Amino acid sequence: TVAGGDLSSAPALFVAVTVVGWAAKEGQLVGRDGAHAGAL
C-alpha cells in the first residue's frame, strides 16, 4: 500500500521512497553480517 507521502516543486525530478516491511520476529530476518567461514 502506498500509504502516504508529500510533493513539492524541485529543480530536478526526484522520488524518495520509504518502505516498511514486517516479520513476526527478528530471527526470521537476514542481515548482511551473518557470513561465516566455510559458507558458500
All heavy atoms as atom14 arrays in JSON, in Angstrom:
{
  "sequence": "TVAGGDLSSAPALFVAVTVVGWAAKEGQLVGRDGAHAGAL",
  "atom14_mask": [
    [1, 1, 1, 1, 1, 1, 1, 0, 0, 0, 0, 0, 0, 0],
    [1, 1, 1, 1, 1, 1, 1, 0, 0, 0, 0, 0, 0, 0],
    [1, 1, 1, 1, 1, 0, 0, 0, 0, 0, 0, 0, 0, 0],
    [1, 1, 1, 1, 0, 0, 0, 0, 0, 0, 0, 0, 0, 0],
    [1, 1, 1, 1, 0, 0, 0, 0, 0, 0, 0, 0, 0, 0],
    [1, 1, 1, 1, 1, 1, 1, 1, 0, 0, 0, 0, 0, 0],
    [1, 1, 1, 1, 1, 1, 1, 1, 0, 0, 0, 0, 0, 0],
    [1, 1, 1, 1, 1, 1, 0, 0, 0, 0, 0, 0, 0, 0],
    [1, 1, 1, 1, 1, 1, 0, 0, 0, 0, 0, 0, 0, 0],
    [1, 1, 1, 1, 1, 0, 0, 0, 0, 0, 0, 0, 0, 0],
    [1, 1, 1, 1, 1, 1, 1, 0, 0, 0, 0, 0, 0, 0],
    [1, 1, 1, 1, 1, 0, 0, 0, 0, 0, 0, 0, 0, 0],
    [1, 1, 1, 1, 1, 1, 1, 1, 0, 0, 0, 0, 0, 0],
    [1, 1, 1, 1, 1, 1, 1, 1, 1, 1, 1, 0, 0, 0],
    [1, 1, 1, 1, 1, 1, 1, 0, 0, 0, 0, 0, 0, 0],
    [1, 1, 1, 1, 1, 0, 0, 0, 0, 0, 0, 0, 0, 0],
    [1, 1, 1, 1, 1, 1, 1, 0, 0, 0, 0, 0, 0, 0],
    [1, 1, 1, 1, 1, 1, 1, 0, 0, 0, 0, 0, 0, 0],
    [1, 1, 1, 1, 1, 1, 1, 0, 0, 0, 0, 0, 0, 0],
    [1, 1, 1, 1, 1, 1, 1, 0, 0, 0, 0, 0, 0, 0],
    [1, 1, 1, 1, 0, 0, 0, 0, 0, 0, 0, 0, 0, 0],
    [1, 1, 1, 1, 1, 1, 1, 1, 1, 1, 1, 1, 1, 1],
    [1, 1, 1, 1, 1, 0, 0, 0, 0, 0, 0, 0, 0, 0],
    [1, 1, 1, 1, 1, 0, 0, 0, 0, 0, 0, 0, 0, 0],
    [1, 1, 1, 1, 1, 1, 1, 1, 1, 0, 0, 0, 0, 0],
    [1, 1, 1, 1, 1, 1, 1, 1, 1, 0, 0, 0, 0, 0],
    [1, 1, 1, 1, 0, 0, 0, 0, 0, 0, 0, 0, 0, 0],
    [1, 1, 1, 1, 1, 1, 1, 1, 1, 0, 0, 0, 0, 0],
    [1, 1, 1, 1, 1, 1, 1, 1, 0, 0, 0, 0, 0, 0],
    [1, 1, 1, 1, 1, 1, 1, 0, 0, 0, 0, 0, 0, 0],
    [1, 1, 1, 1, 0, 0, 0, 0, 0, 0, 0, 0, 0, 0],
    [1, 1, 1, 1, 1, 1, 1, 1, 1, 1, 1, 0, 0, 0],
    [1, 1, 1, 1, 1, 1, 1, 1, 0, 0, 0, 0, 0, 0],
    [1, 1, 1, 1, 0, 0, 0, 0, 0, 0, 0, 0, 0, 0],
    [1, 1, 1, 1, 1, 0, 0, 0, 0, 0, 0, 0, 0, 0],
    [1, 1, 1, 1, 1, 1, 1, 1, 1, 1, 0, 0, 0, 0],
    [1, 1, 1, 1, 1, 0, 0, 0, 0, 0, 0, 0, 0, 0],
    [1, 1, 1, 1, 0, 0, 0, 0, 0, 0, 0, 0, 0, 0],
    [1, 1, 1, 1, 1, 0, 0, 0, 0, 0, 0, 0, 0, 0],
    [1, 1, 1, 1, 1, 1, 1, 1, 0, 0, 0, 0, 0, 0]
  ],
  "atom14_positions": [
    [[0.84, -1.19, 0.0], [0.0, 0.0, 0.0], [0.87, 1.24, 0.0], [1.75, 1.39, 0.86], [-0.9, 0.04, 1.25], [-1.79, -1.08, 1.22], [-1.72, 1.33, 1.29], [0.0, 0.0, 0.0], [0.0, 0.0, 0.0], [0.0, 0.0, 0.0], [0.0, 0.0, 0.0], [0.0, 0.0, 0.0], [0.0, 0.0, 0.0], [0.0, 0.0, 0.0]],
    [[0.68, 2.12, -0.98], [1.3, 3.44, -0.92], [0.43, 4.25, 0.03], [-0.64, 4.75, -0.33], [1.39, 4.09, -2.31], [2.02, 5.48, -2.2], [2.22, 3.22, -3.25], [0.0, 0.0, 0.0], [0.0, 0.0, 0.0], [0.0, 0.0, 0.0], [0.0, 0.0, 0.0], [0.0, 0.0, 0.0], [0.0, 0.0, 0.0], [0.0, 0.0, 0.0]],
    [[0.87, 4.37, 1.28], [0.0, 4.85, 2.36], [0.09, 6.34, 2.61], [-0.64, 6.86, 3.45], [0.33, 4.09, 3.64], [0.0, 0.0, 0.0], [0.0, 0.0, 0.0], [0.0, 0.0, 0.0], [0.0, 0.0, 0.0], [0.0, 0.0, 0.0], [0.0, 0.0, 0.0], [0.0, 0.0, 0.0], [0.0, 0.0, 0.0], [0.0, 0.0, 0.0]],
    [[0.97, 7.03, 1.91], [1.06, 8.47, 2.12], [2.3, 9.03, 1.47], [3.07, 8.31, 0.82], [0.0, 0.0, 0.0], [0.0, 0.0, 0.0], [0.0, 0.0, 0.0], [0.0, 0.0, 0.0], [0.0, 0.0, 0.0], [0.0, 0.0, 0.0], [0.0, 0.0, 0.0], [0.0, 0.0, 0.0], [0.0, 0.0, 0.0], [0.0, 0.0, 0.0]],
    [[2.48, 10.34, 1.63], [3.66, 10.96, 1.06], [3.55, 12.47, 1.04], [2.76, 13.07, 1.76], [0.0, 0.0, 0.0], [0.0, 0.0, 0.0], [0.0, 0.0, 0.0], [0.0, 0.0, 0.0], [0.0, 0.0, 0.0], [0.0, 0.0, 0.0], [0.0, 0.0, 0.0], [0.0, 0.0, 0.0], [0.0, 0.0, 0.0], [0.0, 0.0, 0.0]],
    [[4.34, 13.06, 0.17], [4.39, 14.51, 0.06], [4.87, 14.86, -1.34], [5.49, 14.02, -2.02], [5.35, 15.09, 1.11], [5.19, 16.6, 1.29], [4.18, 17.15, 0.82], [6.08, 17.21, 1.9], [0.0, 0.0, 0.0], [0.0, 0.0, 0.0], [0.0, 0.0, 0.0], [0.0, 0.0, 0.0], [0.0, 0.0, 0.0], [0.0, 0.0, 0.0]],
    [[4.58, 16.08, -1.78], [5.12, 16.54, -3.04], [5.49, 18.0, -2.94], [4.97, 18.75, -2.13], [4.17, 16.28, -4.2], [2.77, 16.9, -4.21], [2.8, 18.3, -4.79], [1.85, 16.04, -5.06], [0.0, 0.0, 0.0], [0.0, 0.0, 0.0], [0.0, 0.0, 0.0], [0.0, 0.0, 0.0], [0.0, 0.0, 0.0], [0.0, 0.0, 0.0]],
    [[6.45, 18.37, -3.8], [6.98, 19.73, -3.79], [7.53, 20.04, -5.17], [7.84, 19.13, -5.96], [8.11, 19.84, -2.75], [8.76, 21.09, -2.83], [0.0, 0.0, 0.0], [0.0, 0.0, 0.0], [0.0, 0.0, 0.0], [0.0, 0.0, 0.0], [0.0, 0.0, 0.0], [0.0, 0.0, 0.0], [0.0, 0.0, 0.0], [0.0, 0.0, 0.0]],
    [[7.67, 21.33, -5.46], [8.42, 21.71, -6.64], [9.9, 21.5, -6.36], [10.34, 21.5, -5.2], [8.15, 23.17, -7.0], [8.53, 24.02, -5.93], [0.0, 0.0, 0.0], [0.0, 0.0, 0.0], [0.0, 0.0, 0.0], [0.0, 0.0, 0.0], [0.0, 0.0, 0.0], [0.0, 0.0, 0.0], [0.0, 0.0, 0.0], [0.0, 0.0, 0.0]],
    [[10.69, 21.28, -7.43], [12.11, 20.99, -7.26], [12.84, 21.36, -8.53], [12.24, 21.43, -9.61], [12.31, 19.51, -6.93], [0.0, 0.0, 0.0], [0.0, 0.0, 0.0], [0.0, 0.0, 0.0], [0.0, 0.0, 0.0], [0.0, 0.0, 0.0], [0.0, 0.0, 0.0], [0.0, 0.0, 0.0], [0.0, 0.0, 0.0], [0.0, 0.0, 0.0]],
    [[14.15, 21.6, -8.44], [14.91, 21.94, -9.65], [15.09, 20.76, -10.6], [15.38, 20.95, -11.78], [16.26, 22.42, -9.09], [16.34, 21.81, -7.74], [14.94, 21.74, -7.22], [0.0, 0.0, 0.0], [0.0, 0.0, 0.0], [0.0, 0.0, 0.0], [0.0, 0.0, 0.0], [0.0, 0.0, 0.0], [0.0, 0.0, 0.0], [0.0, 0.0, 0.0]],
    [[14.94, 19.53, -10.1], [15.03, 18.33, -10.93], [14.08, 17.3, -10.33], [13.76, 17.34, -9.14], [16.46, 17.79, -10.96], [0.0, 0.0, 0.0], [0.0, 0.0, 0.0], [0.0, 0.0, 0.0], [0.0, 0.0, 0.0], [0.0, 0.0, 0.0], [0.0, 0.0, 0.0], [0.0, 0.0, 0.0], [0.0, 0.0, 0.0], [0.0, 0.0, 0.0]],
    [[13.64, 16.37, -11.16], [12.73, 15.33, -10.68], [13.45, 14.41, -9.71], [14.55, 13.93, -9.99], [12.21, 14.51, -11.86], [11.27, 13.35, -11.52], [9.98, 13.85, -10.87], [10.95, 12.53, -12.77], [0.0, 0.0, 0.0], [0.0, 0.0, 0.0], [0.0, 0.0, 0.0], [0.0, 0.0, 0.0], [0.0, 0.0, 0.0], [0.0, 0.0, 0.0]],
    [[12.85, 14.21, -8.54], [13.36, 13.18, -7.64], [12.19, 12.45, -7.0], [11.09, 12.98, -6.87], [14.28, 13.76, -6.56], [13.59, 14.53, -5.47], [13.0, 13.87, -4.39], [13.55, 15.91, -5.5], [12.37, 14.58, -3.38], [12.92, 16.63, -4.49], [12.33, 15.96, -3.43], [0.0, 0.0, 0.0], [0.0, 0.0, 0.0], [0.0, 0.0, 0.0]],
    [[12.43, 11.19, -6.64], [11.44, 10.36, -5.96], [12.13, 9.72, -4.76], [13.1, 8.98, -4.93], [10.86, 9.27, -6.86], [9.72, 8.54, -6.16], [10.41, 9.83, -8.2], [0.0, 0.0, 0.0], [0.0, 0.0, 0.0], [0.0, 0.0, 0.0], [0.0, 0.0, 0.0], [0.0, 0.0, 0.0], [0.0, 0.0, 0.0], [0.0, 0.0, 0.0]],
    [[11.67, 10.04, -3.57], [12.19, 9.42, -2.34], [11.13, 8.45, -1.83], [9.96, 8.83, -1.67], [12.5, 10.47, -1.29], [0.0, 0.0, 0.0], [0.0, 0.0, 0.0], [0.0, 0.0, 0.0], [0.0, 0.0, 0.0], [0.0, 0.0, 0.0], [0.0, 0.0, 0.0], [0.0, 0.0, 0.0], [0.0, 0.0, 0.0], [0.0, 0.0, 0.0]],
    [[11.52, 7.22, -1.59], [10.58, 6.17, -1.2], [11.02, 5.57, 0.13], [12.15, 5.09, 0.26], [10.51, 5.05, -2.26], [9.47, 4.0, -1.85], [10.19, 5.62, -3.63], [0.0, 0.0, 0.0], [0.0, 0.0, 0.0], [0.0, 0.0, 0.0], [0.0, 0.0, 0.0], [0.0, 0.0, 0.0], [0.0, 0.0, 0.0], [0.0, 0.0, 0.0]],
    [[10.14, 5.6, 1.11], [10.34, 4.87, 2.36], [9.42, 3.67, 2.36], [8.22, 3.81, 2.12], [10.03, 5.76, 3.57], [10.91, 6.88, 3.57], [10.22, 4.99, 4.88], [0.0, 0.0, 0.0], [0.0, 0.0, 0.0], [0.0, 0.0, 0.0], [0.0, 0.0, 0.0], [0.0, 0.0, 0.0], [0.0, 0.0, 0.0], [0.0, 0.0, 0.0]],
    [[9.97, 2.49, 2.57], [9.17, 1.27, 2.61], [9.26, 0.65, 4.0], [10.3, 0.73, 4.66], [9.61, 0.25, 1.55], [9.22, 0.71, 0.15], [11.1, -0.02, 1.62], [0.0, 0.0, 0.0], [0.0, 0.0, 0.0], [0.0, 0.0, 0.0], [0.0, 0.0, 0.0], [0.0, 0.0, 0.0], [0.0, 0.0, 0.0], [0.0, 0.0, 0.0]],
    [[8.18, 0.05, 4.41], [8.12, -0.65, 5.69], [7.71, -2.09, 5.42], [6.69, -2.35, 4.78], [7.12, 0.01, 6.65], [7.1, -0.74, 7.99], [7.48, 1.47, 6.88], [0.0, 0.0, 0.0], [0.0, 0.0, 0.0], [0.0, 0.0, 0.0], [0.0, 0.0, 0.0], [0.0, 0.0, 0.0], [0.0, 0.0, 0.0], [0.0, 0.0, 0.0]],
    [[8.53, -3.01, 5.88], [8.2, -4.43, 5.81], [7.98, -4.97, 7.21], [8.2, -4.28, 8.21], [0.0, 0.0, 0.0], [0.0, 0.0, 0.0], [0.0, 0.0, 0.0], [0.0, 0.0, 0.0], [0.0, 0.0, 0.0], [0.0, 0.0, 0.0], [0.0, 0.0, 0.0], [0.0, 0.0, 0.0], [0.0, 0.0, 0.0], [0.0, 0.0, 0.0]],
    [[7.56, -6.23, 7.27], [7.18, -6.81, 8.55], [7.67, -8.25, 8.66], [7.8, -8.97, 7.67], [5.65, -6.77, 8.71], [5.1, -5.39, 8.67], [4.63, -4.71, 7.57], [4.99, -4.48, 9.77], [4.24, -3.44, 7.92], [4.44, -3.27, 9.27], [5.29, -4.56, 11.13], [4.19, -2.17, 10.08], [5.04, -3.48, 11.94], [4.5, -2.29, 11.41]],
    [[7.94, -8.64, 9.89], [8.26, -10.03, 10.21], [7.72, -10.32, 11.6], [7.62, -9.42, 12.43], [9.76, -10.29, 10.16], [0.0, 0.0, 0.0], [0.0, 0.0, 0.0], [0.0, 0.0, 0.0], [0.0, 0.0, 0.0], [0.0, 0.0, 0.0], [0.0, 0.0, 0.0], [0.0, 0.0, 0.0], [0.0, 0.0, 0.0], [0.0, 0.0, 0.0]],
    [[7.36, -11.57, 11.83], [6.8, -11.93, 13.14], [7.82, -11.74, 14.25], [7.47, -11.34, 15.37], [6.3, -13.37, 13.12], [0.0, 0.0, 0.0], [0.0, 0.0, 0.0], [0.0, 0.0, 0.0], [0.0, 0.0, 0.0], [0.0, 0.0, 0.0], [0.0, 0.0, 0.0], [0.0, 0.0, 0.0], [0.0, 0.0, 0.0], [0.0, 0.0, 0.0]],
    [[9.09, -11.98, 13.95], [10.14, -11.8, 14.95], [11.46, -11.54, 14.24], [11.64, -11.88, 13.06], [10.26, -13.01, 15.87], [10.46, -14.33, 15.14], [10.41, -15.49, 16.1], [10.55, -16.83, 15.35], [10.5, -17.97, 16.29], [0.0, 0.0, 0.0], [0.0, 0.0, 0.0], [0.0, 0.0, 0.0], [0.0, 0.0, 0.0], [0.0, 0.0, 0.0]],
    [[12.41, -10.96, 14.96], [13.69, -10.58, 14.36], [14.43, -11.78, 13.79], [15.11, -11.69, 12.76], [14.56, -9.88, 15.4], [15.88, -9.37, 14.83], [16.79, -8.77, 15.88], [16.4, -8.76, 17.07], [17.89, -8.31, 15.52], [0.0, 0.0, 0.0], [0.0, 0.0, 0.0], [0.0, 0.0, 0.0], [0.0, 0.0, 0.0], [0.0, 0.0, 0.0]],
    [[14.29, -12.93, 14.43], [15.0, -14.12, 13.99], [14.61, -14.61, 12.61], [15.33, -15.42, 12.02], [0.0, 0.0, 0.0], [0.0, 0.0, 0.0], [0.0, 0.0, 0.0], [0.0, 0.0, 0.0], [0.0, 0.0, 0.0], [0.0, 0.0, 0.0], [0.0, 0.0, 0.0], [0.0, 0.0, 0.0], [0.0, 0.0, 0.0], [0.0, 0.0, 0.0]],
    [[13.51, -14.12, 12.06], [13.11, -14.51, 10.71], [13.82, -13.7, 9.64], [13.71, -14.02, 8.46], [11.59, -14.35, 10.56], [10.78, -15.31, 11.41], [9.28, -15.08, 11.25], [8.84, -14.05, 10.75], [8.49, -16.05, 11.68], [0.0, 0.0, 0.0], [0.0, 0.0, 0.0], [0.0, 0.0, 0.0], [0.0, 0.0, 0.0], [0.0, 0.0, 0.0]],
    [[14.51, -12.64, 10.05], [15.15, -11.74, 9.1], [16.61, -12.14, 8.88], [17.21, -12.81, 9.7], [15.07, -10.31, 9.6], [13.65, -9.78, 9.83], [13.7, -8.43, 10.54], [12.89, -9.66, 8.51], [0.0, 0.0, 0.0], [0.0, 0.0, 0.0], [0.0, 0.0, 0.0], [0.0, 0.0, 0.0], [0.0, 0.0, 0.0], [0.0, 0.0, 0.0]],
    [[17.15, -11.68, 7.76], [18.55, -11.95, 7.42], [19.26, -10.63, 7.21], [18.79, -9.78, 6.44], [18.66, -12.81, 6.15], [20.13, -13.09, 5.83], [17.88, -14.11, 6.29], [0.0, 0.0, 0.0], [0.0, 0.0, 0.0], [0.0, 0.0, 0.0], [0.0, 0.0, 0.0], [0.0, 0.0, 0.0], [0.0, 0.0, 0.0], [0.0, 0.0, 0.0]],
    [[20.4, -10.43, 7.88], [21.19, -9.22, 7.7], [22.4, -9.45, 6.82], [22.62, -10.55, 6.3], [0.0, 0.0, 0.0], [0.0, 0.0, 0.0], [0.0, 0.0, 0.0], [0.0, 0.0, 0.0], [0.0, 0.0, 0.0], [0.0, 0.0, 0.0], [0.0, 0.0, 0.0], [0.0, 0.0, 0.0], [0.0, 0.0, 0.0], [0.0, 0.0, 0.0]],
    [[23.21, -8.43, 6.7], [24.45, -8.53, 5.93], [25.58, -9.14, 6.74], [26.63, -9.51, 6.18], [24.9, -7.15, 5.45], [23.95, -6.46, 4.51], [24.53, -5.1, 4.1], [23.65, -4.39, 3.18], [23.95, -3.23, 2.6], [25.12, -2.65, 2.88], [23.11, -2.64, 1.77], [0.0, 0.0, 0.0], [0.0, 0.0, 0.0], [0.0, 0.0, 0.0]],
    [[25.41, -9.26, 8.05], [26.53, -9.57, 8.94], [26.65, -11.04, 9.29], [27.43, -11.39, 10.18], [26.41, -8.76, 10.22], [25.08, -8.99, 10.95], [24.2, -9.67, 10.38], [24.93, -8.49, 12.07], [0.0, 0.0, 0.0], [0.0, 0.0, 0.0], [0.0, 0.0, 0.0], [0.0, 0.0, 0.0], [0.0, 0.0, 0.0], [0.0, 0.0, 0.0]],
    [[25.94, -11.93, 8.6], [25.93, -13.33, 9.02], [26.86, -14.25, 8.25], [26.82, -15.47, 8.45], [0.0, 0.0, 0.0], [0.0, 0.0, 0.0], [0.0, 0.0, 0.0], [0.0, 0.0, 0.0], [0.0, 0.0, 0.0], [0.0, 0.0, 0.0], [0.0, 0.0, 0.0], [0.0, 0.0, 0.0], [0.0, 0.0, 0.0], [0.0, 0.0, 0.0]],
    [[27.68, -13.73, 7.35], [28.61, -14.6, 6.62], [29.65, -15.18, 7.57], [30.18, -14.47, 8.42], [29.3, -13.82, 5.5], [0.0, 0.0, 0.0], [0.0, 0.0, 0.0], [0.0, 0.0, 0.0], [0.0, 0.0, 0.0], [0.0, 0.0, 0.0], [0.0, 0.0, 0.0], [0.0, 0.0, 0.0], [0.0, 0.0, 0.0], [0.0, 0.0, 0.0]],
    [[29.95, -16.47, 7.44], [30.92, -17.11, 8.32], [31.8, -18.06, 7.52], [31.41, -18.55, 6.45], [30.21, -17.88, 9.44], [29.2, -18.86, 8.95], [29.53, -20.12, 8.51], [27.85, -18.75, 8.81], [28.42, -20.76, 8.14], [27.41, -19.95, 8.29], [0.0, 0.0, 0.0], [0.0, 0.0, 0.0], [0.0, 0.0, 0.0], [0.0, 0.0, 0.0]],
    [[32.99, -18.29, 8.03], [33.94, -19.15, 7.34], [33.34, -20.52, 7.06], [32.69, -21.11, 7.93], [35.22, -19.28, 8.16], [0.0, 0.0, 0.0], [0.0, 0.0, 0.0], [0.0, 0.0, 0.0], [0.0, 0.0, 0.0], [0.0, 0.0, 0.0], [0.0, 0.0, 0.0], [0.0, 0.0, 0.0], [0.0, 0.0, 0.0], [0.0, 0.0, 0.0]],
    [[33.54, -21.02, 5.85], [33.01, -22.3, 5.44], [31.73, -22.22, 4.65], [31.32, -23.2, 4.02], [0.0, 0.0, 0.0], [0.0, 0.0, 0.0], [0.0, 0.0, 0.0], [0.0, 0.0, 0.0], [0.0, 0.0, 0.0], [0.0, 0.0, 0.0], [0.0, 0.0, 0.0], [0.0, 0.0, 0.0], [0.0, 0.0, 0.0], [0.0, 0.0, 0.0]],
    [[31.07, -21.04, 4.68], [29.83, -20.88, 3.93], [30.13, -20.7, 2.44], [31.24, -20.37, 2.03], [29.05, -19.68, 4.45], [0.0, 0.0, 0.0], [0.0, 0.0, 0.0], [0.0, 0.0, 0.0], [0.0, 0.0, 0.0], [0.0, 0.0, 0.0], [0.0, 0.0, 0.0], [0.0, 0.0, 0.0], [0.0, 0.0, 0.0], [0.0, 0.0, 0.0]],
    [[29.1, -20.92, 1.64], [29.19, -20.72, 0.19], [28.46, -19.44, -0.18], [27.53, -19.0, 0.5], [28.57, -21.9, -0.55], [29.18, -23.28, -0.27], [28.45, -24.36, -1.06], [30.67, -23.29, -0.58], [0.0, 0.0, 0.0], [0.0, 0.0, 0.0], [0.0, 0.0, 0.0], [0.0, 0.0, 0.0], [0.0, 0.0, 0.0], [0.0, 0.0, 0.0]]
  ]
}
